[in-house]
């Protein structure tokens, strides 16, 4: 058997094969902006709230005749009553209320 390595004249030209690629994948994060517009809407609504106003009128009427010496007794309603400054309702004479209430 012959050893071809020892003979210099017996060398052959090497055959170069096409390259083989070995890929080493590396992933690098990259931000992609997503824009979400937000619109703030200020809405104003009317709410109806009742506000009461009272008008006040004065009427002068003739009362029952009073006999002299009779005074203002129980026969005429029992005195002045709470609407004339006592512990009655309301302010003053106890009738009507203005917008301050």
Protein backbone atom coordinates (compact mmCIF):
# COMPACT_ATOMS: atom_id res chain seq x y z
CA UNK A 1 0.00 0.00 0.00
CA UNK A 2 1.22 3.39 -0.83
CA UNK A 3 1.24 6.37 1.39
CA UNK A 4 0.57 9.50 -0.65
CA UNK A 5 1.59 11.85 2.15
CA UNK A 6 5.19 11.17 1.77
CA UNK A 7 5.47 11.98 -1.88
CA UNK A 8 5.48 15.69 -2.69
CA UNK A 9 4.72 15.19 -6.32
CA UNK A 10 1.65 13.35 -5.53
CA UNK A 11 -0.26 16.28 -3.94
CA UNK A 12 -3.70 17.16 -5.13
CA UNK A 13 -5.41 20.51 -5.26
CA UNK A 14 -7.86 20.96 -2.30
CA UNK A 15 -11.51 21.25 -3.12
CA UNK A 16 -13.18 24.27 -1.52
CA UNK A 17 -16.80 23.59 -0.79
CA UNK A 18 -19.41 26.40 -0.69
CA UNK A 19 -19.60 28.04 2.75
CA UNK A 20 -22.10 26.91 5.30
CA UNK A 21 -23.65 29.67 7.34
CA UNK A 22 -24.24 29.29 11.01
CA UNK A 23 -26.66 32.07 12.21
CA UNK A 24 -26.59 33.30 15.76
CA UNK A 25 -29.80 35.31 16.17
CA UNK A 26 -29.86 38.14 18.66
CA UNK A 27 -33.01 40.14 19.34
CA UNK A 28 -32.73 43.80 20.30
CA UNK A 29 -35.88 45.50 21.66
CA UNK A 30 -37.03 48.58 19.83
CA UNK A 31 -39.93 50.71 21.04
CA UNK A 32 -42.73 51.49 18.65
CA UNK A 33 -44.89 54.37 19.92
CA UNK A 34 -48.66 53.87 19.95
CA UNK A 35 -50.50 57.16 20.43
CA UNK A 36 -53.93 57.08 22.08
CA UNK A 37 -55.51 60.56 21.99
CA UNK A 38 -57.84 61.38 24.90
CA UNK A 39 -60.30 64.26 24.60
CA UNK A 40 -61.64 65.72 27.86
CA UNK A 41 -65.12 67.16 27.39
CA UNK A 42 -66.49 69.48 30.07
CA UNK A 43 -70.27 69.32 29.92
CA UNK A 44 -72.47 71.82 31.73
CA UNK A 45 -76.05 70.93 32.56
CA UNK A 46 -78.78 73.21 33.86
CA UNK A 47 -80.59 71.98 36.94
CA UNK A 48 -83.88 73.73 37.69
CA UNK A 49 -84.11 74.60 41.38
CA UNK A 50 -87.33 76.22 42.54
CA UNK A 51 -86.91 79.58 44.25
CA UNK A 52 -90.09 80.91 45.79
CA UNK A 53 -90.94 84.59 45.99
CA UNK A 54 -93.85 85.83 48.01
CA UNK A 55 -95.66 89.08 47.42
CA UNK A 56 -97.37 90.82 50.26
CA UNK A 57 -100.39 93.07 50.09
CA UNK A 58 -102.34 94.90 52.76
CA UNK A 59 -106.10 95.21 52.81
CA UNK A 60 -108.01 97.49 55.10
CA UNK A 61 -111.42 96.10 56.05
CA UNK A 62 -114.02 97.29 58.49
CA UNK A 63 -114.35 95.18 61.61
CA UNK A 64 -117.36 94.58 63.83
CA UNK A 65 -118.45 97.54 65.92
CA UNK A 66 -117.24 97.53 69.49
CA UNK A 67 -119.47 98.88 72.21
CA UNK A 68 -117.89 101.31 74.66
CA UNK A 69 -116.46 99.60 77.73
CA UNK A 70 -116.60 96.17 76.08
CA UNK A 71 -112.86 95.93 75.41
CA UNK A 72 -111.24 93.26 73.32
CA UNK A 73 -112.45 90.13 75.01
CA UNK A 74 -113.04 86.55 73.95
CA UNK A 75 -116.10 87.59 71.94
CA UNK A 76 -113.74 89.21 69.37
CA UNK A 77 -111.28 86.36 68.88
CA UNK A 78 -109.57 86.10 72.26
CA UNK A 79 -107.11 88.99 72.13
CA UNK A 80 -104.42 89.92 69.68
CA UNK A 81 -103.07 86.43 68.97
CA UNK A 82 -99.65 85.19 67.83
CA UNK A 83 -99.64 87.05 64.52
CA UNK A 84 -99.21 90.36 66.36
CA UNK A 85 -95.70 89.90 67.70
CA UNK A 86 -96.15 86.92 70.05
CA UNK A 87 -94.56 83.53 69.53
CA UNK A 88 -96.28 82.99 66.22
CA UNK A 89 -95.03 81.97 62.80
CA UNK A 90 -92.80 84.00 60.57
CA UNK A 91 -91.24 87.39 60.93
CA UNK A 92 -92.89 90.58 62.07
CA UNK A 93 -96.63 90.14 61.70
CA UNK A 94 -96.35 86.47 60.79
CA UNK A 95 -97.62 86.88 57.24
CA UNK A 96 -95.75 86.30 54.01
CA UNK A 97 -92.09 85.68 53.52
CA UNK A 98 -89.63 87.47 51.34
CA UNK A 99 -86.81 86.01 49.23
CA UNK A 100 -84.51 86.02 52.26
CA UNK A 101 -86.10 82.78 53.53
